[in-house]
Amino acid sequence: MSDQPGDGRRPSVLFVCVHNAGRSQMAAGWLRHLGRGQVEVRSAGSAPAETINPVAVAAMAEVGIDISAENPKILTPDAVERSDVAITMGCGDACPYFPATRYEDWVLDDPAGQGIESVRVIRDQIRARVEALVAQLLDQ
């Protein structure tokens, strides 16, 4: 799949973390916001939690992004096959490598069990990475 501008379709990105409850959900929220509908966004986990981390939801709400309606989803081969970019986040061996047009591993602290101050730092680190990704994907 090509993610080049002008090829008639939106590039697609898959964010993966173990529980799909914190980092990958925040990244997906940022990409939906910063990509302004120009990027197809998905997220999944190798062992999804039952609900999204409420501290991650609160941290994103502070910057005007609502991820409260999202649900953790299981990682499927189909989701990977339909993605131009697969980004894993601190999964270690629990997140297997899946071929995609581009593959990245973003090493980020896990927000699970952390307070809002720590999660804000993670949120802002994710934003910076997503901003760079949007610039690359949309050639801005």
N, C-alpha and C. Protein backbone atom coordinates (compact mmCIF):
# COMPACT_ATOMS: atom_id res chain seq x y z
N MET A 1 0.84 -1.18 0.00
CA MET A 1 0.00 0.00 0.00
C MET A 1 0.88 1.24 0.00
N SER A 2 0.41 2.24 -0.65
CA SER A 2 1.17 3.48 -0.71
C SER A 2 0.51 4.53 0.17
N ASP A 3 1.35 5.33 0.81
CA ASP A 3 0.80 6.42 1.60
C ASP A 3 1.20 7.76 1.01
N GLN A 4 1.45 7.77 -0.28
CA GLN A 4 1.86 8.99 -0.94
C GLN A 4 0.66 9.88 -1.23
N PRO A 5 0.82 11.18 -0.98
CA PRO A 5 -0.27 12.10 -1.31
C PRO A 5 -0.61 12.00 -2.80
N GLY A 6 -1.88 12.13 -3.08
CA GLY A 6 -2.30 12.15 -4.47
C GLY A 6 -2.59 10.77 -5.05
N ASP A 7 -2.46 9.70 -4.26
CA ASP A 7 -2.73 8.38 -4.81
C ASP A 7 -4.21 8.01 -4.70
N GLY A 8 -5.03 8.95 -4.24
CA GLY A 8 -6.47 8.75 -4.23
C GLY A 8 -7.02 8.13 -2.97
N ARG A 9 -6.19 7.83 -2.00
CA ARG A 9 -6.70 7.27 -0.76
C ARG A 9 -5.90 7.79 0.43
N ARG A 10 -6.54 7.68 1.59
CA ARG A 10 -5.91 8.15 2.81
C ARG A 10 -4.91 7.11 3.31
N PRO A 11 -3.76 7.56 3.83
CA PRO A 11 -2.87 6.62 4.48
C PRO A 11 -3.54 6.09 5.75
N SER A 12 -3.15 4.89 6.18
CA SER A 12 -3.75 4.30 7.37
C SER A 12 -2.67 3.92 8.37
N VAL A 13 -3.00 4.13 9.65
CA VAL A 13 -2.05 3.87 10.74
C VAL A 13 -2.73 3.00 11.79
N LEU A 14 -2.00 2.00 12.27
CA LEU A 14 -2.45 1.13 13.34
C LEU A 14 -1.52 1.32 14.53
N PHE A 15 -2.08 1.69 15.68
CA PHE A 15 -1.33 1.80 16.93
C PHE A 15 -1.60 0.56 17.76
N VAL A 16 -0.54 -0.08 18.26
CA VAL A 16 -0.68 -1.32 19.01
C VAL A 16 0.05 -1.22 20.34
N CYS A 17 -0.64 -1.56 21.42
CA CYS A 17 0.00 -1.79 22.71
C CYS A 17 -0.68 -3.01 23.32
N VAL A 18 -0.17 -3.51 24.40
CA VAL A 18 -0.67 -4.77 24.95
C VAL A 18 -2.17 -4.67 25.27
N HIS A 19 -2.56 -3.69 26.07
CA HIS A 19 -3.93 -3.63 26.56
C HIS A 19 -4.86 -2.73 25.74
N ASN A 20 -4.32 -1.94 24.82
CA ASN A 20 -5.11 -1.02 24.01
C ASN A 20 -6.01 -0.17 24.90
N ALA A 21 -5.42 0.28 26.03
CA ALA A 21 -6.21 1.03 27.01
C ALA A 21 -5.60 2.38 27.34
N GLY A 22 -4.37 2.64 26.93
CA GLY A 22 -3.70 3.88 27.29
C GLY A 22 -2.96 4.50 26.12
N ARG A 23 -1.71 4.09 25.93
CA ARG A 23 -0.86 4.70 24.90
C ARG A 23 -1.47 4.65 23.51
N SER A 24 -1.89 3.48 23.07
CA SER A 24 -2.41 3.36 21.71
C SER A 24 -3.71 4.13 21.54
N GLN A 25 -4.52 4.19 22.58
CA GLN A 25 -5.77 4.97 22.50
C GLN A 25 -5.47 6.47 22.46
N MET A 26 -4.50 6.92 23.26
CA MET A 26 -4.13 8.34 23.22
C MET A 26 -3.55 8.69 21.85
N ALA A 27 -2.70 7.82 21.31
CA ALA A 27 -2.12 8.08 19.99
C ALA A 27 -3.20 8.14 18.92
N ALA A 28 -4.15 7.22 18.98
CA ALA A 28 -5.24 7.24 18.00
C ALA A 28 -6.06 8.52 18.13
N GLY A 29 -6.31 8.95 19.36
CA GLY A 29 -7.03 10.20 19.57
C GLY A 29 -6.29 11.39 19.00
N TRP A 30 -4.98 11.44 19.24
CA TRP A 30 -4.17 12.53 18.68
C TRP A 30 -4.20 12.50 17.15
N LEU A 31 -4.05 11.30 16.56
CA LEU A 31 -4.00 11.23 15.10
C LEU A 31 -5.34 11.61 14.48
N ARG A 32 -6.43 11.21 15.10
CA ARG A 32 -7.75 11.64 14.58
C ARG A 32 -7.84 13.17 14.61
N HIS A 33 -7.37 13.76 15.70
CA HIS A 33 -7.44 15.21 15.88
C HIS A 33 -6.47 15.94 14.92
N LEU A 34 -5.22 15.55 14.95
CA LEU A 34 -4.20 16.25 14.17
C LEU A 34 -4.25 15.90 12.68
N GLY A 35 -4.74 14.71 12.34
CA GLY A 35 -4.83 14.30 10.95
C GLY A 35 -6.04 14.88 10.23
N ARG A 36 -6.97 15.43 10.99
CA ARG A 36 -8.16 16.10 10.44
C ARG A 36 -8.86 15.31 9.34
N GLY A 37 -9.03 14.02 9.59
CA GLY A 37 -9.75 13.19 8.64
C GLY A 37 -8.95 12.76 7.43
N GLN A 38 -7.69 13.14 7.35
CA GLN A 38 -6.87 12.79 6.19
C GLN A 38 -6.12 11.47 6.37
N VAL A 39 -6.22 10.87 7.56
CA VAL A 39 -5.53 9.62 7.86
C VAL A 39 -6.55 8.66 8.48
N GLU A 40 -6.55 7.42 8.01
CA GLU A 40 -7.39 6.40 8.61
C GLU A 40 -6.66 5.90 9.86
N VAL A 41 -7.39 5.85 10.99
CA VAL A 41 -6.77 5.54 12.28
C VAL A 41 -7.40 4.29 12.88
N ARG A 42 -6.55 3.38 13.37
CA ARG A 42 -7.02 2.23 14.13
C ARG A 42 -6.08 1.98 15.28
N SER A 43 -6.57 1.27 16.28
CA SER A 43 -5.74 0.87 17.41
C SER A 43 -6.20 -0.50 17.88
N ALA A 44 -5.27 -1.24 18.49
CA ALA A 44 -5.60 -2.60 18.95
C ALA A 44 -4.58 -3.02 20.00
N GLY A 45 -4.89 -4.13 20.65
CA GLY A 45 -3.98 -4.67 21.65
C GLY A 45 -3.85 -6.17 21.52
N SER A 46 -2.69 -6.68 21.93
CA SER A 46 -2.46 -8.13 21.88
C SER A 46 -3.22 -8.85 22.99
N ALA A 47 -3.50 -8.14 24.09
CA ALA A 47 -4.30 -8.67 25.20
C ALA A 47 -5.15 -7.53 25.74
N PRO A 48 -6.20 -7.14 25.01
CA PRO A 48 -6.96 -5.94 25.36
C PRO A 48 -7.57 -5.98 26.76
N ALA A 49 -7.56 -4.82 27.40
CA ALA A 49 -8.22 -4.64 28.69
C ALA A 49 -9.73 -4.58 28.45
N GLU A 50 -10.48 -4.54 29.54
CA GLU A 50 -11.93 -4.43 29.40
C GLU A 50 -12.37 -3.00 29.12
N THR A 51 -11.62 -2.03 29.66
CA THR A 51 -11.97 -0.61 29.48
C THR A 51 -10.70 0.21 29.27
N ILE A 52 -10.90 1.41 28.79
CA ILE A 52 -9.78 2.35 28.62
C ILE A 52 -9.38 2.90 29.99
N ASN A 53 -8.11 3.16 30.14
CA ASN A 53 -7.56 3.74 31.36
C ASN A 53 -8.24 5.10 31.61
N PRO A 54 -8.95 5.26 32.73
CA PRO A 54 -9.65 6.52 32.99
C PRO A 54 -8.72 7.72 33.14
N VAL A 55 -7.48 7.50 33.56
CA VAL A 55 -6.53 8.61 33.67
C VAL A 55 -6.10 9.06 32.28
N ALA A 56 -5.97 8.12 31.33
CA ALA A 56 -5.67 8.49 29.94
C ALA A 56 -6.83 9.29 29.35
N VAL A 57 -8.06 8.86 29.64
CA VAL A 57 -9.24 9.59 29.17
C VAL A 57 -9.22 11.01 29.73
N ALA A 58 -8.93 11.16 31.03
CA ALA A 58 -8.90 12.48 31.67
C ALA A 58 -7.80 13.35 31.09
N ALA A 59 -6.62 12.78 30.86
CA ALA A 59 -5.50 13.56 30.31
C ALA A 59 -5.83 14.06 28.91
N MET A 60 -6.47 13.24 28.10
CA MET A 60 -6.84 13.67 26.75
C MET A 60 -7.95 14.71 26.80
N ALA A 61 -8.88 14.55 27.73
CA ALA A 61 -9.97 15.53 27.87
C ALA A 61 -9.42 16.91 28.20
N GLU A 62 -8.32 16.96 28.94
CA GLU A 62 -7.71 18.25 29.29
C GLU A 62 -7.28 19.03 28.05
N VAL A 63 -6.99 18.33 26.96
CA VAL A 63 -6.57 19.01 25.73
C VAL A 63 -7.68 18.99 24.68
N GLY A 64 -8.91 18.69 25.12
CA GLY A 64 -10.06 18.77 24.24
C GLY A 64 -10.29 17.58 23.33
N ILE A 65 -9.69 16.44 23.65
CA ILE A 65 -9.88 15.24 22.83
C ILE A 65 -10.60 14.19 23.67
N ASP A 66 -11.76 13.76 23.19
CA ASP A 66 -12.59 12.82 23.93
C ASP A 66 -12.37 11.40 23.40
N ILE A 67 -11.74 10.55 24.22
CA ILE A 67 -11.56 9.16 23.85
C ILE A 67 -12.41 8.24 24.73
N SER A 68 -13.34 8.82 25.47
CA SER A 68 -14.12 8.07 26.44
C SER A 68 -15.03 7.01 25.81
N ALA A 69 -15.42 7.17 24.57
CA ALA A 69 -16.31 6.21 23.93
C ALA A 69 -15.56 5.06 23.26
N GLU A 70 -14.24 5.12 23.25
CA GLU A 70 -13.45 4.07 22.62
C GLU A 70 -13.44 2.81 23.49
N ASN A 71 -13.22 1.68 22.85
CA ASN A 71 -13.13 0.40 23.55
C ASN A 71 -11.87 -0.32 23.11
N PRO A 72 -11.19 -0.98 24.05
CA PRO A 72 -10.03 -1.79 23.66
C PRO A 72 -10.45 -2.88 22.67
N LYS A 73 -9.61 -3.09 21.67
CA LYS A 73 -9.90 -4.06 20.60
C LYS A 73 -8.73 -5.04 20.47
N ILE A 74 -9.03 -6.25 20.05
CA ILE A 74 -8.01 -7.27 19.85
C ILE A 74 -7.27 -7.03 18.53
N LEU A 75 -5.99 -7.24 18.54
CA LEU A 75 -5.16 -7.11 17.34
C LEU A 75 -5.47 -8.28 16.41
N THR A 76 -5.78 -7.97 15.16
CA THR A 76 -6.07 -9.00 14.17
C THR A 76 -5.14 -8.85 12.97
N PRO A 77 -4.86 -9.94 12.29
CA PRO A 77 -4.05 -9.83 11.08
C PRO A 77 -4.66 -8.88 10.05
N ASP A 78 -5.99 -8.86 9.95
CA ASP A 78 -6.67 -7.99 9.00
C ASP A 78 -6.36 -6.52 9.27
N ALA A 79 -6.38 -6.13 10.54
CA ALA A 79 -6.08 -4.73 10.88
C ALA A 79 -4.69 -4.35 10.44
N VAL A 80 -3.75 -5.27 10.57
CA VAL A 80 -2.37 -5.00 10.16
C VAL A 80 -2.28 -4.93 8.64
N GLU A 81 -2.90 -5.88 7.97
CA GLU A 81 -2.85 -5.93 6.51
C GLU A 81 -3.44 -4.68 5.87
N ARG A 82 -4.42 -4.07 6.52
CA ARG A 82 -5.07 -2.88 5.97
C ARG A 82 -4.38 -1.58 6.37
N SER A 83 -3.21 -1.67 7.05
CA SER A 83 -2.53 -0.48 7.55
C SER A 83 -1.23 -0.23 6.78
N ASP A 84 -0.99 1.03 6.48
CA ASP A 84 0.27 1.42 5.84
C ASP A 84 1.39 1.49 6.86
N VAL A 85 1.05 1.89 8.08
CA VAL A 85 2.04 2.04 9.14
C VAL A 85 1.52 1.31 10.37
N ALA A 86 2.37 0.46 10.96
CA ALA A 86 2.04 -0.21 12.22
C ALA A 86 3.01 0.31 13.28
N ILE A 87 2.46 0.87 14.34
CA ILE A 87 3.30 1.44 15.41
C ILE A 87 2.99 0.70 16.70
N THR A 88 4.02 0.05 17.27
CA THR A 88 3.86 -0.61 18.55
C THR A 88 4.40 0.32 19.63
N MET A 89 3.90 0.13 20.84
CA MET A 89 4.25 1.02 21.95
C MET A 89 4.57 0.22 23.19
N GLY A 90 5.85 -0.02 23.41
CA GLY A 90 6.29 -0.65 24.64
C GLY A 90 5.73 -2.03 24.88
N CYS A 91 5.48 -2.77 23.83
CA CYS A 91 4.85 -4.08 23.99
C CYS A 91 5.83 -5.17 24.37
N GLY A 92 7.10 -4.99 24.07
CA GLY A 92 8.05 -6.06 24.30
C GLY A 92 7.70 -7.26 23.45
N ASP A 93 7.90 -8.45 23.99
CA ASP A 93 7.64 -9.67 23.23
C ASP A 93 6.16 -9.96 23.06
N ALA A 94 5.31 -9.28 23.82
CA ALA A 94 3.87 -9.54 23.73
C ALA A 94 3.27 -9.04 22.42
N CYS A 95 3.92 -8.09 21.77
CA CYS A 95 3.43 -7.57 20.49
C CYS A 95 4.31 -8.09 19.37
N PRO A 96 3.84 -9.08 18.64
CA PRO A 96 4.66 -9.63 17.56
C PRO A 96 4.80 -8.64 16.41
N TYR A 97 5.83 -8.81 15.66
CA TYR A 97 6.06 -7.98 14.48
C TYR A 97 5.11 -8.43 13.37
N PHE A 98 4.43 -7.47 12.77
CA PHE A 98 3.60 -7.71 11.61
C PHE A 98 4.11 -6.84 10.48
N PRO A 99 4.31 -7.41 9.31
CA PRO A 99 4.79 -6.59 8.20
C PRO A 99 3.75 -5.56 7.78
N ALA A 100 4.23 -4.39 7.48
CA ALA A 100 3.40 -3.31 6.96
C ALA A 100 4.30 -2.47 6.07
N THR A 101 3.74 -1.49 5.40
CA THR A 101 4.58 -0.64 4.58
C THR A 101 5.67 -0.01 5.43
N ARG A 102 5.32 0.33 6.65
CA ARG A 102 6.31 0.90 7.57
C ARG A 102 6.01 0.38 8.97
N TYR A 103 7.05 0.13 9.73
CA TYR A 103 6.92 -0.40 11.08
C TYR A 103 7.77 0.43 12.02
N GLU A 104 7.20 0.83 13.14
CA GLU A 104 7.95 1.58 14.15
C GLU A 104 7.59 1.06 15.53
N ASP A 105 8.54 1.18 16.46
CA ASP A 105 8.27 0.89 17.86
C ASP A 105 8.55 2.17 18.63
N TRP A 106 7.52 2.71 19.25
CA TRP A 106 7.66 3.91 20.07
C TRP A 106 7.79 3.48 21.52
N VAL A 107 8.95 3.71 22.11
CA VAL A 107 9.18 3.35 23.50
C VAL A 107 8.65 4.48 24.37
N LEU A 108 7.58 4.17 25.09
CA LEU A 108 6.90 5.13 25.95
C LEU A 108 6.55 4.45 27.27
N ASP A 109 6.55 5.20 28.36
CA ASP A 109 6.12 4.64 29.63
C ASP A 109 4.67 4.21 29.54
N ASP A 110 4.32 3.20 30.31
CA ASP A 110 2.95 2.72 30.38
C ASP A 110 2.17 3.57 31.38
N PRO A 111 1.05 4.16 30.97
CA PRO A 111 0.28 4.99 31.89
C PRO A 111 -0.50 4.19 32.94
N ALA A 112 -0.56 2.88 32.81
CA ALA A 112 -1.33 2.06 33.75
C ALA A 112 -0.81 2.27 35.17
N GLY A 113 -1.72 2.59 36.07
CA GLY A 113 -1.38 2.76 37.47
C GLY A 113 -0.69 4.06 37.82
N GLN A 114 -0.53 4.94 36.85
CA GLN A 114 0.14 6.21 37.09
C GLN A 114 -0.88 7.33 37.30
N GLY A 115 -0.44 8.36 38.00
CA GLY A 115 -1.28 9.53 38.25
C GLY A 115 -1.34 10.44 37.04
N ILE A 116 -2.22 11.41 37.11
CA ILE A 116 -2.45 12.32 35.99
C ILE A 116 -1.18 13.07 35.58
N GLU A 117 -0.33 13.46 36.54
CA GLU A 117 0.88 14.21 36.19
C GLU A 117 1.78 13.39 35.27
N SER A 118 1.98 12.12 35.57
CA SER A 118 2.80 11.25 34.74
C SER A 118 2.14 10.99 33.38
N VAL A 119 0.84 10.82 33.40
CA VAL A 119 0.13 10.53 32.15
C VAL A 119 0.14 11.76 31.23
N ARG A 120 0.13 12.94 31.80
CA ARG A 120 0.24 14.15 30.97
C ARG A 120 1.56 14.16 30.19
N VAL A 121 2.63 13.75 30.84
CA VAL A 121 3.94 13.70 30.17
C VAL A 121 3.89 12.71 29.01
N ILE A 122 3.33 11.53 29.25
CA ILE A 122 3.20 10.52 28.20
C ILE A 122 2.33 11.05 27.08
N ARG A 123 1.22 11.67 27.43
CA ARG A 123 0.30 12.26 26.43
C ARG A 123 1.04 13.24 25.53
N ASP A 124 1.85 14.10 26.14
CA ASP A 124 2.57 15.11 25.37
C ASP A 124 3.67 14.51 24.51
N GLN A 125 4.31 13.44 25.01
CA GLN A 125 5.31 12.73 24.20
C GLN A 125 4.64 12.10 22.98
N ILE A 126 3.48 11.53 23.19
CA ILE A 126 2.74 10.92 22.08
C ILE A 126 2.34 11.99 21.07
N ARG A 127 1.89 13.14 21.56
CA ARG A 127 1.49 14.22 20.63
C ARG A 127 2.64 14.60 19.72
N ALA A 128 3.84 14.77 20.29
CA ALA A 128 5.00 15.17 19.49
C ALA A 128 5.29 14.13 18.41
N ARG A 129 5.20 12.85 18.76
CA ARG A 129 5.46 11.79 17.78
C ARG A 129 4.37 11.76 16.70
N VAL A 130 3.12 11.96 17.11
CA VAL A 130 2.03 11.96 16.14
C VAL A 130 2.14 13.17 15.21
N GLU A 131 2.54 14.32 15.73
CA GLU A 131 2.73 15.50 14.87
C GLU A 131 3.77 15.21 13.79
N ALA A 132 4.88 14.58 14.17
CA ALA A 132 5.91 14.22 13.19
C ALA A 132 5.38 13.21 12.18
N LEU A 133 4.60 12.24 12.66
CA LEU A 133 4.02 11.24 11.77
C LEU A 133 3.07 11.88 10.77
N VAL A 134 2.21 12.78 11.24
CA VAL A 134 1.28 13.47 10.34
C VAL A 134 2.06 14.24 9.27
N ALA A 135 3.11 14.93 9.68
CA ALA A 135 3.91 15.69 8.71
C ALA A 135 4.50 14.76 7.66
N GLN A 136 4.97 13.58 8.06
CA GLN A 136 5.53 12.63 7.11
C GLN A 136 4.46 12.06 6.19
N LEU A 137 3.35 11.65 6.76
CA LEU A 137 2.30 11.01 5.97
C LEU A 137 1.65 11.95 4.99
N LEU A 138 1.48 13.18 5.42
CA LEU A 138 0.77 14.14 4.57
C LEU A 138 1.72 15.10 3.88
N ASP A 139 3.03 14.86 4.05
CA ASP A 139 4.08 15.63 3.38
C ASP A 139 3.91 17.12 3.60
N GLN A 140 3.76 17.48 4.90
CA GLN A 140 3.54 18.89 5.23
C GLN A 140 4.84 19.57 5.56
